[in-house]
Amino acid sequence: MIERQRLRRLIVRTLDLLLRGRVSELARLLVVRARPTVWASRARHLNPAPTICIDAKTQRLARDGSVAPKRSIVFPETASKLVSVIVPCNNYGAYLAEAVASVQRQTLDCVEIIVVDDGSTDPHTVTVLGELANDPALRIISKPQEGLVSARNAGIAVANGEYVCCLDADDRLLPGYLEAAVLALETDRSVGFAYSWAQLFGDEHRVWHTRDFRIDEGLADNHTAVSAVFRRDDWHEIGGYRPQMRHGYEDWEFWLRLAALGRNGKAVRAPLFEHRRHGRTMTHDAHAMRRRLVSDMRALNTEIFSDRSLQSRISRIGGPANADRSATAIPVRLPVESGKPHLLVVVPWLEAGGAEMVLLDVLDHLKASWTITIVTTLPDRQPLWSEFVKITTDIFPLAGAFDSDGGLRLLEHLVASRQISVVLSSGSGWLYRNAARLKSRFPALKLVDLLHNALPSGHLADAVAASAVFDRHIAVSPHIETALVRRGVYADKVRTILNGVDCSAARLDGELRKRCRAELGLDPDVFAIGWVGRFAAEKRPLDFLYLVSSLPDSRRVAAFMCGEGPQLQGTIDRSVRMESAVPVNFLGRRSRPDMRALYAAFDVLVLTSELEGMPLVVLEALGAGCPVVATRVGDIELAVHDGRSGWLVPPGDIAAMRRRILEMMANTSEHQAMAAYALATMDGGDFSRKAMAEAYARVFVELVSWPAGGSGPGKTCNSPRSSQIDRATAMGGVR
């Protein structure tokens, strides 16, 4: 209050001096007033408040701000299970079996399931409970109906696990949920509750992107999933879920009290928790009573809501530096897939880019003969998650829930627990930095690097620097292979595998082209120009805008850009400011089937990149009979035959692109001939998706067939590989 009064007086005095024109006095006033604030800000920056180090397994934050031992029992010494999953149920028999089955499919071992029947009267629910009672692996507790809070507390009170997860009877967990949450708790001892993003399904389909717990945000709203995993003794410490919150927000209030105990909350950035939306539920009722429930929550936790010093202490919680962060002892239970080797794939993200699409096709082919685990290393919304999860549900994101050291311990845990044979790194800078440590921990592990471009300051330099610990480098074009060898990578370590597409799926009939063009609002005589890719600097999306703006004012031209990326909004803003005679339509990210239809609807695909390896969008466009006008970069000329299936121009030469497009528009017969030739070139084996995937499989099989500890081929030669490339041409995709 005092500070606000001082600020008000300062504002009034400043305005008064301005109106009276007393500039020199005003300057002195502002300098004098600002100096303490500036120095205080500098002092806070140079001397930040110290981190409060707490080991959440054994310690708690005391009321006076000190770190104290837990008063209650400490696990796992007295725990017979690692995780207890509590499933309260009141007349939810229609969904209960699904919830239980999702827990039984968990990759984490040592899990007990406790179903709490909270006075169910529905005949179907009673029948389902009776059937579940015959399963010796389940425990069913029956009690009078007293609400969700009472049911959870009753289940936790008899649980045997070190950790607890409360799963509502209408929700589900993906197989890796408990393992990922426990790993987050074990590798960072400041974490007291861990959870994932939530995939909403049923009446609503979207991903709720939960967040790491921050006290300033947590006081205003709940960003933590109800299924968060926490320590059972912490539940004892804070007195369980409060009956006063039985009408809703009981989980939100519980997380606040856990935070006051000195616990951080961590979000695993993947939708491993599935939250069902159906009709009107307790969640809707709670939102309708939000004001009352928040008032109740504040009344029950006045210190948390009003004590700034307590809030400051909560925000400064960190883990002890000397804590045991080992994750390799966590027991797992994996499906038995007889005879299959295990492949671990490390990628930055599951973005909707060409590199990820190639990987999706390769893994889809390999899943029949390999067991697959995926790790992502960078923060991202994972737009292709739903596609990759069709191949494997064993997906773990590192960003957010794991720091650098914790991420490496997670990787070591996965290699050890799943008996990984081969690790494939697809553009992961994180793995380049940690490959040597991983290899020293597991000498027999085979490491494969997949390189998509030859940017000298990018991953090319990383690949060269880490080449000593990688057993293979896969280049998606001969240009990349040459760049590796010229920089000293052993020639026999490198394999070139051209990207491939499913040409039979890409070729579309004329009727579908007509339907797609009709959906885009295109008349038959309109010439459609498309740009597809990631909105990033190396793709030069602004060049496409400049190209379109240079075309003559004509209603016979339509322009489209499709994709996502960091420069998307900037490109849209620039397009609006340019006021081009030919407006650009932004289509966002599209599914692969939609993209095939778009390629068929386009009359030409334009590629403006200054850097590429073997762009998948070009292959897919050609396979749909869409000619390409592209910059001559990487090995694109292997796919686009200049003057026959399209045109190649120097990077940045917008005038040349404009000239070629105008020629296509003016000469219909030449354009049609290019479309036919594009289809014909895709009929060969060089760009077949099957040939590409089989080539990857051969590389992996070759590696796992080496004797344990053997050096394998390719470690004693540094000669040019031109002859090897020629020999490989006949292998159907390996160049």
Foldseek 3Di string as FASTA:
>chain_A
DVVVVVVVVLVVVLVVCVVVVVVVVSVVSCVVVCVVVVVVVVCCVVDPDAFQADQLQFWWQDPVRHIGGFPDDGDDVQFPAAEEEEEEDAQVLVQQVQAVVQAVLAFFPRYAYEYEDAQHDDPSNVVSVVVVVVDPRHHYHYDHHDFDQVSVVVRLVPHRHQKYWYDYSNKHFHRHFVVQLVLLCQQWSLAFKEGEWEAEDDPDGDILHAAKDALVVLLVDHRDDNGIMGGSSLCVRQVGQDSVLRLDPSSSLVVLVSLLRRHIYFYFYDHRIYDYDDDDDSVNRCVVVVVVSSVVSCVVCVCSNPPVVSSVNSNSYGHDPPDDRADQPRATHHDDDPPAAEEEEEEQAQFPFQLNVLVLLLLVVCLVRHHYAYEHEHDDNRPCSVSVVVSPSRYGYQPTSHDLVSVVSVVLNCCNNRVHAEYEYEQDPSCLVCLVVSCVVPVLHAYEYEDWWQDPPGCLVSCLVSLVRHQAYEYQAVLSLVSNLVSPRQNVRYWYFHAADALVLLADDPVLLVVLCVVVVHDPQAAEEEEEGAPDDQQPPVLVLVLQLPADLDPSYEYEYEEYYDCVVVSVVVQVVSPGSHRYHYDYYDDPSSLSSVLLNHQEYEGQGPITAAGPSQLSSLSHLHAYEYEPYHVPCVLHPDQQLYHYDHHPPSVVVNVRVVVCSVDVVSSNRNSVVSNVSSVDQQRHSVLSSVVVVVVSVQSSPDPRPDSHPRPPHSDDCPVVQVVCVVSRRID
